[in-house]
Amino acid sequence: MPSSNLTPLWLRNGHVQTLLPKILRHTPKLNLRRERVELQDGDFIDLDHSLRCQGPRILILHGLEGSMDSHYAGPLVEVLEQRGFRPVFMYLRGCSEETNRLARSYHSGSSDDLHEVLNHLYVKGTPIQGAVGFSLGGNILLKYLGEQGNKSLLTAAMAISVPLHLEMAAKRLTKGASRIYQRYLLNKLRRTWIQKKRQHQELPDIHVNSLRTLEQYDDHITAPINGFSNAKTYYSTCSAANFLKDITVPTYILLAKDDPFMYPLQQEDYEIPPHVRLEMCAHGGHVGFIAGTWPWRIRYLLDEYIPDYFEKMHLKHIQ
């Protein structure tokens, strides 16, 4: 893992770590097959399956308003293929090219959707051995693992830049330069809501442009349309920190102390079971974790750490 002593001075900044990959990375050309999983409630989840490798399947869960266009997604699919794995990218409800059918949306606690997708693939004979989740997707993954305990369908998991305390993360995004990311995410969420409202006239009339923080958005939209009384209840119910102690699957959680999406955390703040490894690096930003002596020679460390971890887990190849 990256050491503060090895990180060049120009990369010892959480905003640089967060923004550079988004600016510099490009999505590679991939050979993928789309599968639509019909959910029991009448909605659907789209999956993109890699067609370039026949190794153990690794499920990838994206972050808030993410997709295959997220800076980490395409490159990770490519590097997992190169290392002999078979990536499967899971779009959360409404995050593929088509708005989801129901009024409900994805959210940080959508572990029921993950469970249904994993069960679908297991019954189909194409089970997932490992999973990696980024940010919100990592929260969903950790919540699923804690809920399922020994019944989990996964053999190993990895979570990157997870906001373990959702309420604290929401408040962090109202402070200082972190408001830049809040504004960016809110603009995407507003567009998503306007599109959903056109399809679901029964949804409440909300002046979405008047919502100035993610917490306000969650209080007026995310919480009520997903069955929570308010944002505070949503956060307290779904925060991954509540589920860590019940995880029995080998799980690696990688965070950065300079992540502008959350306040600095300490390992002693959590009850960590034997199968969970929680690592907090000095530098890495939010889904950044880059290194390199010069800006034109950057190493994207997650492209190394993620396949390295799953190789150590000795996942089985299942046809």
C-alpha atoms as a PDB file:
ATOM      1  CA  MET A   1       0.000   0.000   0.000  1.00  0.00           C
ATOM      2  CA  PRO A   2       1.162   3.590  -0.590  1.00  0.00           C
ATOM      3  CA  SER A   3       3.352   5.132   2.088  1.00  0.00           C
ATOM      4  CA  SER A   4       3.395   8.840   2.879  1.00  0.00           C
ATOM      5  CA  ASN A   5       7.196   8.645   2.757  1.00  0.00           C
ATOM      6  CA  LEU A   6       7.085   7.372  -0.840  1.00  0.00           C
ATOM      7  CA  THR A   7       4.338   9.667  -2.143  1.00  0.00           C
ATOM      8  CA  PRO A   8       5.865  12.630  -4.036  1.00  0.00           C
ATOM      9  CA  LEU A   9       5.105  16.052  -2.585  1.00  0.00           C
ATOM     10  CA  TRP A  10       2.971  17.051  -5.566  1.00  0.00           C
ATOM     11  CA  LEU A  11       0.620  14.115  -4.851  1.00  0.00           C
ATOM     12  CA  ARG A  12       0.252  14.717  -1.111  1.00  0.00           C
ATOM     13  CA  ASN A  13      -3.043  16.499  -1.622  1.00  0.00           C
ATOM     14  CA  GLY A  14      -6.462  14.849  -1.522  1.00  0.00           C
ATOM     15  CA  HIS A  15      -7.920  17.049  -4.236  1.00  0.00           C
ATOM     16  CA  VAL A  16      -5.045  16.328  -6.633  1.00  0.00           C
ATOM     17  CA  GLN A  17      -5.425  12.597  -5.907  1.00  0.00           C
ATOM     18  CA  THR A  18      -9.195  12.804  -6.513  1.00  0.00           C
ATOM     19  CA  LEU A  19      -9.282  14.961  -9.636  1.00  0.00           C
ATOM     20  CA  LEU A  20      -6.267  13.884 -11.700  1.00  0.00           C
ATOM     21  CA  PRO A  21      -7.547  10.376 -12.547  1.00  0.00           C
ATOM     22  CA  LYS A  22     -10.888  11.828 -13.620  1.00  0.00           C
ATOM     23  CA  ILE A  23      -9.136  14.354 -15.864  1.00  0.00           C
ATOM     24  CA  LEU A  24      -6.420  12.131 -17.329  1.00  0.00           C
ATOM     25  CA  ARG A  25      -7.913   8.646 -17.645  1.00  0.00           C
ATOM     26  CA  HIS A  26      -9.696   7.419 -20.755  1.00  0.00           C
ATOM     27  CA  THR A  27     -12.068   4.484 -21.148  1.00  0.00           C
ATOM     28  CA  PRO A  28     -10.436   1.685 -23.159  1.00  0.00           C
ATOM     29  CA  LYS A  29     -12.219  -0.217 -25.894  1.00  0.00           C
ATOM     30  CA  LEU A  30     -13.888  -3.204 -24.276  1.00  0.00           C
ATOM     31  CA  ASN A  31     -15.690  -6.291 -25.537  1.00  0.00           C
ATOM     32  CA  LEU A  32     -18.749  -6.593 -23.283  1.00  0.00           C
ATOM     33  CA  ARG A  33     -22.069  -8.416 -23.313  1.00  0.00           C
ATOM     34  CA  ARG A  34     -25.095  -6.721 -21.751  1.00  0.00           C
ATOM     35  CA  GLU A  35     -27.406  -8.791 -19.576  1.00  0.00           C
ATOM     36  CA  ARG A  36     -30.650  -7.525 -18.071  1.00  0.00           C
ATOM     37  CA  VAL A  37     -31.589  -9.058 -14.737  1.00  0.00           C
ATOM     38  CA  GLU A  38     -35.322  -8.855 -14.086  1.00  0.00           C
ATOM     39  CA  LEU A  39     -35.920  -8.163 -10.391  1.00  0.00           C
ATOM     40  CA  GLN A  40     -38.730  -9.597  -8.312  1.00  0.00           C
ATOM     41  CA  ASP A  41     -40.323  -6.182  -7.786  1.00  0.00           C
ATOM     42  CA  GLY A  42     -40.675  -5.612 -11.548  1.00  0.00           C
ATOM     43  CA  ASP A  43     -37.612  -3.457 -12.017  1.00  0.00           C
ATOM     44  CA  PHE A  44     -34.309  -4.434 -13.607  1.00  0.00           C
ATOM     45  CA  ILE A  45     -30.531  -4.300 -13.202  1.00  0.00           C
ATOM     46  CA  ASP A  46     -28.158  -4.226 -16.183  1.00  0.00           C
ATOM     47  CA  LEU A  47     -24.841  -6.070 -16.149  1.00  0.00           C
ATOM     48  CA  ASP A  48     -21.895  -5.836 -18.553  1.00  0.00           C
ATOM     49  CA  HIS A  49     -20.001  -9.123 -18.853  1.00  0.00           C
ATOM     50  CA  SER A  50     -16.435  -9.285 -20.117  1.00  0.00           C
ATOM     51  CA  LEU A  51     -16.001 -11.563 -23.140  1.00  0.00           C
ATOM     52  CA  ARG A  52     -12.201 -11.573 -23.206  1.00  0.00           C
ATOM     53  CA  CYS A  53     -11.389 -13.929 -20.357  1.00  0.00           C
ATOM     54  CA  GLN A  54     -12.695 -17.137 -18.784  1.00  0.00           C
ATOM     55  CA  GLY A  55     -11.299 -16.763 -15.260  1.00  0.00           C
ATOM     56  CA  PRO A  56     -13.028 -16.204 -11.905  1.00  0.00           C
ATOM     57  CA  ARG A  57     -15.783 -13.602 -12.054  1.00  0.00           C
ATOM     58  CA  ILE A  58     -15.285 -10.280 -10.235  1.00  0.00           C
ATOM     59  CA  LEU A  59     -18.308  -8.001  -9.789  1.00  0.00           C
ATOM     60  CA  ILE A  60     -17.683  -4.237  -9.919  1.00  0.00           C
ATOM     61  CA  LEU A  61     -20.076  -1.813  -8.173  1.00  0.00           C
ATOM     62  CA  HIS A  62     -19.818   1.874  -9.030  1.00  0.00           C
ATOM     63  CA  GLY A  63     -20.316   4.963  -6.881  1.00  0.00           C
ATOM     64  CA  LEU A  64     -22.966   7.695  -6.731  1.00  0.00           C
ATOM     65  CA  GLU A  65     -24.217   8.493 -10.260  1.00  0.00           C
ATOM     66  CA  GLY A  66     -21.451   6.311 -11.646  1.00  0.00           C
ATOM     67  CA  SER A  67     -21.396   4.049 -14.692  1.00  0.00           C
ATOM     68  CA  MET A  68     -18.948   2.409 -17.059  1.00  0.00           C
ATOM     69  CA  ASP A  69     -17.871   5.977 -17.893  1.00  0.00           C
ATOM     70  CA  SER A  70     -16.490   6.456 -14.377  1.00  0.00           C
ATOM     71  CA  HIS A  71     -12.727   6.943 -14.556  1.00  0.00           C
ATOM     72  CA  TYR A  72     -11.968   3.748 -12.613  1.00  0.00           C
ATOM     73  CA  ALA A  73     -14.462   1.421 -14.337  1.00  0.00           C
ATOM     74  CA  GLY A  74     -13.205   0.726 -17.855  1.00  0.00           C
ATOM     75  CA  PRO A  75      -9.509   0.619 -16.916  1.00  0.00           C
ATOM     76  CA  LEU A  76     -10.268  -1.800 -14.063  1.00  0.00           C
ATOM     77  CA  VAL A  77     -12.232  -4.093 -16.379  1.00  0.00           C
ATOM     78  CA  GLU A  78      -9.268  -4.105 -18.775  1.00  0.00           C
ATOM     79  CA  VAL A  79      -6.629  -4.808 -16.123  1.00  0.00           C
ATOM     80  CA  LEU A  80      -8.709  -7.562 -14.509  1.00  0.00           C
ATOM     81  CA  GLU A  81      -8.996  -9.206 -17.929  1.00  0.00           C
ATOM     82  CA  GLN A  82      -5.240  -8.945 -18.395  1.00  0.00           C
ATOM     83  CA  ARG A  83      -4.702 -10.634 -15.027  1.00  0.00           C
ATOM     84  CA  GLY A  84      -6.949 -13.570 -15.885  1.00  0.00           C
ATOM     85  CA  PHE A  85     -10.228 -12.539 -14.240  1.00  0.00           C
ATOM     86  CA  ARG A  86     -13.672 -12.193 -15.796  1.00  0.00           C
ATOM     87  CA  PRO A  87     -15.117  -8.792 -14.772  1.00  0.00           C
ATOM     88  CA  VAL A  88     -18.857  -8.182 -14.497  1.00  0.00           C
ATOM     89  CA  PHE A  89     -19.920  -4.549 -14.159  1.00  0.00           C
ATOM     90  CA  MET A  90     -23.177  -3.949 -12.274  1.00  0.00           C
ATOM     91  CA  TYR A  91     -25.175  -0.808 -13.032  1.00  0.00           C
ATOM     92  CA  LEU A  92     -27.264   0.283 -10.069  1.00  0.00           C
ATOM     93  CA  ARG A  93     -30.943   1.005 -10.802  1.00  0.00           C
ATOM     94  CA  GLY A  94     -31.296   3.738 -13.399  1.00  0.00           C
ATOM     95  CA  CYS A  95     -27.550   4.108 -14.026  1.00  0.00           C
ATOM     96  CA  SER A  96     -27.389   2.302 -17.366  1.00  0.00           C
ATOM     97  CA  GLU A  97     -28.751   3.990 -20.472  1.00  0.00           C
ATOM     98  CA  GLU A  98     -32.386   3.467 -19.437  1.00  0.00           C
ATOM     99  CA  THR A  99     -34.279   4.919 -16.469  1.00  0.00           C
ATOM    100  CA  ASN A 100     -35.437   2.222 -14.078  1.00  0.00           C
ATOM    101  CA  ARG A 101     -39.134   1.322 -14.160  1.00  0.00           C
ATOM    102  CA  LEU A 102     -40.129   1.929 -10.559  1.00  0.00           C
ATOM    103  CA  ALA A 103     -40.313   5.111  -8.545  1.00  0.00           C
ATOM    104  CA  ARG A 104     -37.692   3.827  -6.104  1.00  0.00           C
ATOM    105  CA  SER A 105     -34.050   4.457  -6.872  1.00  0.00           C
ATOM    106  CA  TYR A 106     -30.703   2.983  -5.947  1.00  0.00           C
ATOM    107  CA  HIS A 107     -29.164   4.257  -2.724  1.00  0.00           C
ATOM    108  CA  SER A 108     -26.349   3.507  -0.286  1.00  0.00           C
ATOM    109  CA  GLY A 109     -28.326   0.690   1.309  1.00  0.00           C
ATOM    110  CA  SER A 110     -29.427  -1.158  -1.844  1.00  0.00           C
ATOM    111  CA  SER A 111     -27.954  -4.446  -0.683  1.00  0.00           C
ATOM    112  CA  ASP A 112     -31.216  -6.186  -1.614  1.00  0.00           C
ATOM    113  CA  ASP A 113     -30.479  -5.518  -5.285  1.00  0.00           C
ATOM    114  CA  LEU A 114     -26.944  -6.839  -4.928  1.00  0.00           C
ATOM    115  CA  HIS A 115     -28.205  -9.967  -3.193  1.00  0.00           C
ATOM    116  CA  GLU A 116     -30.742 -10.593  -5.947  1.00  0.00           C
ATOM    117  CA  VAL A 117     -28.152 -10.149  -8.703  1.00  0.00           C
ATOM    118  CA  LEU A 118     -25.667 -12.475  -6.998  1.00  0.00           C
ATOM    119  CA  ASN A 119     -28.372 -15.075  -6.426  1.00  0.00           C
ATOM    120  CA  HIS A 120     -29.522 -14.802 -10.067  1.00  0.00           C
ATOM    121  CA  LEU A 121     -26.000 -15.461 -11.342  1.00  0.00           C
ATOM    122  CA  TYR A 122     -25.484 -18.301  -8.854  1.00  0.00           C
ATOM    123  CA  VAL A 123     -28.696 -20.084  -9.893  1.00  0.00           C
ATOM    124  CA  LYS A 124     -27.801 -19.511 -13.538  1.00  0.00           C
ATOM    125  CA  GLY A 125     -24.506 -21.349 -13.018  1.00  0.00           C
ATOM    126  CA  THR A 126     -22.303 -18.270 -13.513  1.00  0.00           C
ATOM    127  CA  PRO A 127     -21.531 -17.325  -9.891  1.00  0.00           C
ATOM    128  CA  ILE A 128     -19.493 -14.340  -8.768  1.00  0.00           C
ATOM    129  CA  GLN A 129     -16.434 -15.209  -6.689  1.00  0.00           C
ATOM    130  CA  GLY A 130     -15.228 -11.721  -5.740  1.00  0.00           C
ATOM    131  CA  ALA A 131     -16.608  -8.191  -5.693  1.00  0.00           C
ATOM    132  CA  VAL A 132     -15.146  -4.699  -5.482  1.00  0.00           C
ATOM    133  CA  GLY A 133     -17.213  -1.637  -4.643  1.00  0.00           C
ATOM    134  CA  PHE A 134     -16.310   2.031  -4.975  1.00  0.00           C
ATOM    135  CA  SER A 135     -17.649   4.710  -2.636  1.00  0.00           C
ATOM    136  CA  LEU A 136     -21.464   4.244  -2.483  1.00  0.00           C
ATOM    137  CA  GLY A 137     -21.066   0.869  -4.205  1.00  0.00           C
ATOM    138  CA  GLY A 138     -18.583  -0.112  -1.516  1.00  0.00           C
ATOM    139  CA  ASN A 139     -21.107   0.813   1.167  1.00  0.00           C
ATOM    140  CA  ILE A 140     -23.691  -1.431  -0.515  1.00  0.00           C
ATOM    141  CA  LEU A 141     -21.171  -4.269  -0.696  1.00  0.00           C
ATOM    142  CA  LEU A 142     -20.136  -4.036   2.971  1.00  0.00           C
ATOM    143  CA  LYS A 143     -23.764  -3.819   4.077  1.00  0.00           C
ATOM    144  CA  TYR A 144     -24.564  -6.955   2.057  1.00  0.00           C
ATOM    145  CA  LEU A 145     -21.625  -8.829   3.564  1.00  0.00           C
ATOM    146  CA  GLY A 146     -22.610  -7.890   7.104  1.00  0.00           C
ATOM    147  CA  GLU A 147     -26.246  -8.823   6.558  1.00  0.00           C
ATOM    148  CA  GLN A 148     -25.449 -12.177   4.978  1.00  0.00           C
ATOM    149  CA  GLY A 149     -22.626 -13.277   7.273  1.00  0.00           C
ATOM    150  CA  ASN A 150     -21.808 -16.937   6.544  1.00  0.00           C
ATOM    151  CA  LYS A 151     -24.554 -17.059   3.897  1.00  0.00           C
ATOM    152  CA  SER A 152     -22.759 -14.654   1.564  1.00  0.00           C
ATOM    153  CA  LEU A 153     -22.380 -15.863  -2.020  1.00  0.00           C
ATOM    154  CA  LEU A 154     -18.987 -14.154  -2.292  1.00  0.00           C
ATOM    155  CA  THR A 155     -15.579 -15.636  -1.542  1.00  0.00           C
ATOM    156  CA  ALA A 156     -13.707 -12.323  -1.194  1.00  0.00           C
ATOM    157  CA  ALA A 157     -14.471  -8.610  -1.380  1.00  0.00           C
ATOM    158  CA  MET A 158     -12.760  -5.246  -1.590  1.00  0.00           C
ATOM    159  CA  ALA A 159     -14.209  -1.786  -0.846  1.00  0.00           C
ATOM    160  CA  ILE A 160     -12.550   1.466  -1.942  1.00  0.00           C
ATOM    161  CA  SER A 161     -13.131   4.977  -0.531  1.00  0.00           C
ATOM    162  CA  VAL A 162     -16.268   3.945   1.338  1.00  0.00           C
ATOM    163  CA  PRO A 163     -18.111   6.630   3.349  1.00  0.00           C
ATOM    164  CA  LEU A 164     -18.503   4.353   6.361  1.00  0.00           C
ATOM    165  CA  HIS A 165     -20.579   7.010   8.155  1.00  0.00           C
ATOM    166  CA  LEU A 166     -23.023   8.455   5.622  1.00  0.00           C
ATOM    167  CA  GLU A 167     -24.127  11.417   7.717  1.00  0.00           C
ATOM    168  CA  MET A 168     -20.548  12.467   8.417  1.00  0.00           C
ATOM    169  CA  ALA A 169     -19.737  12.192   4.700  1.00  0.00           C
ATOM    170  CA  ALA A 170     -22.742  14.339   3.773  1.00  0.00           C
ATOM    171  CA  LYS A 171     -21.624  17.023   6.221  1.00  0.00           C
ATOM    172  CA  ARG A 172     -18.010  16.852   5.009  1.00  0.00           C
ATOM    173  CA  LEU A 173     -19.155  17.729   1.515  1.00  0.00           C
ATOM    174  CA  THR A 174     -20.511  21.054   2.773  1.00  0.00           C
ATOM    175  CA  LYS A 175     -17.071  22.181   3.963  1.00  0.00           C
ATOM    176  CA  GLY A 176     -14.375  24.087   2.104  1.00  0.00           C
ATOM    177  CA  ALA A 177     -13.254  22.884  -1.307  1.00  0.00           C
ATOM    178  CA  SER A 178     -15.268  19.672  -0.897  1.00  0.00           C
ATOM    179  CA  ARG A 179     -18.306  21.704  -1.922  1.00  0.00           C
ATOM    180  CA  ILE A 180     -17.006  21.396  -5.494  1.00  0.00           C
ATOM    181  CA  TYR A 181     -17.759  17.667  -5.461  1.00  0.00           C
ATOM    182  CA  GLN A 182     -21.126  18.221  -3.818  1.00  0.00           C
ATOM    183  CA  ARG A 183     -22.108  20.677  -6.553  1.00  0.00           C
ATOM    184  CA  TYR A 184     -20.989  18.245  -9.261  1.00  0.00           C
ATOM    185  CA  LEU A 185     -22.948  15.336  -7.766  1.00  0.00           C
ATOM    186  CA  LEU A 186     -26.025  17.453  -7.082  1.00  0.00           C
ATOM    187  CA  ASN A 187     -26.146  18.604 -10.699  1.00  0.00           C
ATOM    188  CA  LYS A 188     -26.108  14.973 -11.854  1.00  0.00           C
ATOM    189  CA  LEU A 189     -28.731  13.959  -9.277  1.00  0.00           C
ATOM    190  CA  ARG A 190     -31.005  16.837 -10.275  1.00  0.00           C
ATOM    191  CA  ARG A 191     -30.926  15.752 -13.918  1.00  0.00           C
ATOM    192  CA  THR A 192     -31.660  12.171 -12.892  1.00  0.00           C
ATOM    193  CA  TRP A 193     -34.626  13.301 -10.757  1.00  0.00           C
ATOM    194  CA  ILE A 194     -36.105  15.461 -13.525  1.00  0.00           C
ATOM    195  CA  GLN A 195     -35.910  12.522 -15.926  1.00  0.00           C
ATOM    196  CA  LYS A 196     -37.480  10.178 -13.368  1.00  0.00           C
ATOM    197  CA  LYS A 197     -40.265  12.667 -12.619  1.00  0.00           C
ATOM    198  CA  ARG A 198     -41.230  12.725 -16.304  1.00  0.00           C
ATOM    199  CA  GLN A 199     -41.688   8.956 -16.175  1.00  0.00           C
ATOM    200  CA  HIS A 200     -43.401   8.859 -12.756  1.00  0.00           C
ATOM    201  CA  GLN A 201     -45.956  11.630 -12.472  1.00  0.00           C
ATOM    202  CA  GLU A 202     -47.066  10.259  -9.095  1.00  0.00           C
ATOM    203  CA  LEU A 203     -43.790  11.360  -7.506  1.00  0.00           C
ATOM    204  CA  PRO A 204     -44.035  14.535  -5.385  1.00  0.00           C
ATOM    205  CA  ASP A 205     -43.438  17.912  -6.992  1.00  0.00           C
ATOM    206  CA  ILE A 206     -40.108  19.022  -5.609  1.00  0.00           C
ATOM    207  CA  HIS A 207     -38.195  22.138  -6.636  1.00  0.00           C
ATOM    208  CA  VAL A 208     -35.044  20.119  -7.008  1.00  0.00           C
ATOM    209  CA  ASN A 209     -32.897  23.135  -7.890  1.00  0.00           C
ATOM    210  CA  SER A 210     -33.636  24.592  -4.455  1.00  0.00           C
ATOM    211  CA  LEU A 211     -31.883  21.646  -2.781  1.00  0.00           C
ATOM    212  CA  ARG A 212     -28.397  22.941  -2.038  1.00  0.00           C
ATOM    213  CA  THR A 213     -26.754  20.016  -0.257  1.00  0.00           C
ATOM    214  CA  LEU A 214     -26.680  16.251  -0.668  1.00  0.00           C
ATOM    215  CA  GLU A 215     -28.254  15.947   2.767  1.00  0.00           C
ATOM    216  CA  GLN A 216     -31.192  18.066   1.609  1.00  0.00           C
ATOM    217  CA  TYR A 217     -31.498  15.952  -1.526  1.00  0.00           C
ATOM    218  CA  ASP A 218     -31.487  12.769   0.539  1.00  0.00           C
ATOM    219  CA  ASP A 219     -33.998  14.237   2.993  1.00  0.00           C
ATOM    220  CA  HIS A 220     -36.491  15.312   0.308  1.00  0.00           C
ATOM    221  CA  ILE A 221     -35.928  12.653  -2.364  1.00  0.00           C
ATOM    222  CA  THR A 222     -33.672   9.656  -1.625  1.00  0.00           C
ATOM    223  CA  ALA A 223     -35.150   8.862   1.785  1.00  0.00           C
ATOM    224  CA  PRO A 224     -38.905   9.147   1.083  1.00  0.00           C
ATOM    225  CA  ILE A 225     -38.961   7.382  -2.295  1.00  0.00           C
ATOM    226  CA  ASN A 226     -37.015   4.475  -0.787  1.00  0.00           C
ATOM    227  CA  GLY A 227     -39.070   4.036   2.363  1.00  0.00           C
ATOM    228  CA  PHE A 228     -37.057   6.039   4.919  1.00  0.00           C
ATOM    229  CA  SER A 229     -38.679   8.738   7.037  1.00  0.00           C
ATOM    230  CA  ASN A 230     -35.843  11.218   6.532  1.00  0.00           C
ATOM    231  CA  ALA A 231     -32.160  11.507   5.664  1.00  0.00           C
ATOM    232  CA  LYS A 232     -31.028  10.954   9.238  1.00  0.00           C
ATOM    233  CA  THR A 233     -32.864   7.622   9.405  1.00  0.00           C
ATOM    234  CA  TYR A 234     -31.556   6.659   5.969  1.00  0.00           C
ATOM    235  CA  TYR A 235     -27.980   7.415   7.000  1.00  0.00           C
ATOM    236  CA  SER A 236     -28.161   5.638  10.347  1.00  0.00           C
ATOM    237  CA  THR A 237     -29.860   2.577   8.823  1.00  0.00           C
ATOM    238  CA  CYS A 238     -27.548   2.143   5.848  1.00  0.00           C
ATOM    239  CA  SER A 239     -24.071   3.241   6.979  1.00  0.00           C
ATOM    240  CA  ALA A 240     -21.571   0.449   6.372  1.00  0.00           C
ATOM    241  CA  ALA A 241     -19.942   1.053   9.754  1.00  0.00           C
ATOM    242  CA  ASN A 242     -22.934  -0.678  11.360  1.00  0.00           C
ATOM    243  CA  PHE A 243     -22.291  -3.920   9.466  1.00  0.00           C
ATOM    244  CA  LEU A 244     -18.516  -4.403   9.643  1.00  0.00           C
ATOM    245  CA  LYS A 245     -18.571  -6.513  12.812  1.00  0.00           C
ATOM    246  CA  ASP A 246     -20.779  -9.157  11.157  1.00  0.00           C
ATOM    247  CA  ILE A 247     -18.667  -9.703   8.026  1.00  0.00           C
ATOM    248  CA  THR A 248     -17.221 -13.221   7.768  1.00  0.00           C
ATOM    249  CA  VAL A 249     -15.935 -13.144   4.162  1.00  0.00           C
ATOM    250  CA  PRO A 250     -12.291 -12.026   3.665  1.00  0.00           C
ATOM    251  CA  THR A 251     -12.687  -8.315   2.952  1.00  0.00           C
ATOM    252  CA  TYR A 252     -10.177  -5.553   2.304  1.00  0.00           C
ATOM    253  CA  ILE A 253     -11.263  -1.932   2.879  1.00  0.00           C
ATOM    254  CA  LEU A 254      -8.971   0.784   1.522  1.00  0.00           C
ATOM    255  CA  LEU A 255      -9.465   4.402   2.605  1.00  0.00           C
ATOM    256  CA  ALA A 256      -7.391   7.580   2.438  1.00  0.00           C
ATOM    257  CA  LYS A 257      -7.054  10.030   5.308  1.00  0.00           C
ATOM    258  CA  ASP A 258      -7.034  12.929   2.845  1.00  0.00           C
ATOM    259  CA  ASP A 259     -10.290  11.846   1.166  1.00  0.00           C
ATOM    260  CA  PRO A 260     -12.257  15.101   0.619  1.00  0.00           C
ATOM    261  CA  PHE A 261     -15.522  13.150   0.808  1.00  0.00           C
ATOM    262  CA  MET A 262     -15.126  12.269   4.478  1.00  0.00           C
ATOM    263  CA  TYR A 263     -13.534  13.339   7.742  1.00  0.00           C
ATOM    264  CA  PRO A 264     -10.275  11.618   8.774  1.00  0.00           C
ATOM    265  CA  LEU A 265     -11.034   8.267  10.388  1.00  0.00           C
ATOM    266  CA  GLN A 266      -9.144   6.128  12.865  1.00  0.00           C
ATOM    267  CA  GLN A 267      -9.057   2.325  12.871  1.00  0.00           C
ATOM    268  CA  GLU A 268      -9.803   2.222  16.581  1.00  0.00           C
ATOM    269  CA  ASP A 269     -13.206   3.793  15.846  1.00  0.00           C
ATOM    270  CA  TYR A 270     -14.426   0.479  14.385  1.00  0.00           C
ATOM    271  CA  GLU A 271     -15.078  -3.037  15.555  1.00  0.00           C
ATOM    272  CA  ILE A 272     -13.132  -5.002  12.952  1.00  0.00           C
ATOM    273  CA  PRO A 273     -13.639  -8.788  12.792  1.00  0.00           C
ATOM    274  CA  PRO A 274     -10.754 -11.156  11.955  1.00  0.00           C
ATOM    275  CA  HIS A 275     -11.668 -11.523   8.278  1.00  0.00           C
ATOM    276  CA  VAL A 276     -11.716  -7.771   7.592  1.00  0.00           C
ATOM    277  CA  ARG A 277      -8.617  -5.704   6.898  1.00  0.00           C
ATOM    278  CA  LEU A 278      -9.130  -1.941   7.149  1.00  0.00           C
ATOM    279  CA  GLU A 279      -6.262   0.140   5.773  1.00  0.00           C
ATOM    280  CA  MET A 280      -6.116   3.918   5.984  1.00  0.00           C
ATOM    281  CA  CYS A 281      -3.458   5.464   3.787  1.00  0.00           C
ATOM    282  CA  ALA A 282      -2.137   8.965   4.353  1.00  0.00           C
ATOM    283  CA  HIS A 283      -2.762   9.912   0.723  1.00  0.00           C
ATOM    284  CA  GLY A 284      -5.162   8.720  -1.954  1.00  0.00           C
ATOM    285  CA  GLY A 285      -8.058  11.164  -2.105  1.00  0.00           C
ATOM    286  CA  HIS A 286     -11.420   9.777  -3.177  1.00  0.00           C
ATOM    287  CA  VAL A 287     -10.955   6.804  -5.522  1.00  0.00           C
ATOM    288  CA  GLY A 288      -7.572   8.236  -6.488  1.00  0.00           C
ATOM    289  CA  PHE A 289      -4.560   6.361  -5.111  1.00  0.00           C
ATOM    290  CA  ILE A 290      -2.075   7.522  -7.713  1.00  0.00           C
ATOM    291  CA  ALA A 291       1.706   7.636  -7.617  1.00  0.00           C
ATOM    292  CA  GLY A 292       4.501   8.840  -9.884  1.00  0.00           C
ATOM    293  CA  THR A 293       7.495  11.113  -9.748  1.00  0.00           C
ATOM    294  CA  TRP A 294       6.191  13.187 -12.656  1.00  0.00           C
ATOM    295  CA  PRO A 295       2.655  14.105 -13.827  1.00  0.00           C
ATOM    296  CA  TRP A 296       3.263  12.450 -17.214  1.00  0.00           C
ATOM    297  CA  ARG A 297       4.313   9.143 -15.592  1.00  0.00           C
ATOM    298  CA  ILE A 298       1.405   8.386 -13.264  1.00  0.00           C
ATOM    299  CA  ARG A 299       0.726   4.946 -11.797  1.00  0.00           C
ATOM    300  CA  TYR A 300      -2.889   4.145 -11.005  1.00  0.00           C
ATOM    301  CA  LEU A 301      -2.329   2.025  -7.935  1.00  0.00           C
ATOM    302  CA  LEU A 302      -5.845   0.579  -7.759  1.00  0.00           C
ATOM    303  CA  ASP A 303      -5.126  -1.163 -11.072  1.00  0.00           C
ATOM    304  CA  GLU A 304      -2.406  -3.046  -9.174  1.00  0.00           C
ATOM    305  CA  TYR A 305      -3.920  -3.461  -5.713  1.00  0.00           C
ATOM    306  CA  ILE A 306      -7.302  -4.847  -6.784  1.00  0.00           C
ATOM    307  CA  PRO A 307      -6.089  -7.743  -8.992  1.00  0.00           C
ATOM    308  CA  ASP A 308      -3.226  -8.385  -6.544  1.00  0.00           C
ATOM    309  CA  TYR A 309      -5.714  -8.858  -3.725  1.00  0.00           C
ATOM    310  CA  PHE A 310      -7.979 -11.217  -5.638  1.00  0.00           C
ATOM    311  CA  GLU A 311      -4.981 -13.252  -6.821  1.00  0.00           C
ATOM    312  CA  LYS A 312      -3.994 -13.764  -3.184  1.00  0.00           C
ATOM    313  CA  MET A 313      -7.512 -14.996  -2.451  1.00  0.00           C
ATOM    314  CA  HIS A 314      -7.036 -17.906  -4.917  1.00  0.00           C
ATOM    315  CA  LEU A 315     -10.526 -17.596  -6.387  1.00  0.00           C
ATOM    316  CA  LYS A 316     -11.816 -20.623  -8.268  1.00  0.00           C
ATOM    317  CA  HIS A 317     -12.494 -20.669 -11.988  1.00  0.00           C
ATOM    318  CA  ILE A 318     -16.102 -21.695 -12.526  1.00  0.00           C
ATOM    319  CA  GLN A 319     -17.267 -22.061 -16.137  1.00  0.00           C
END
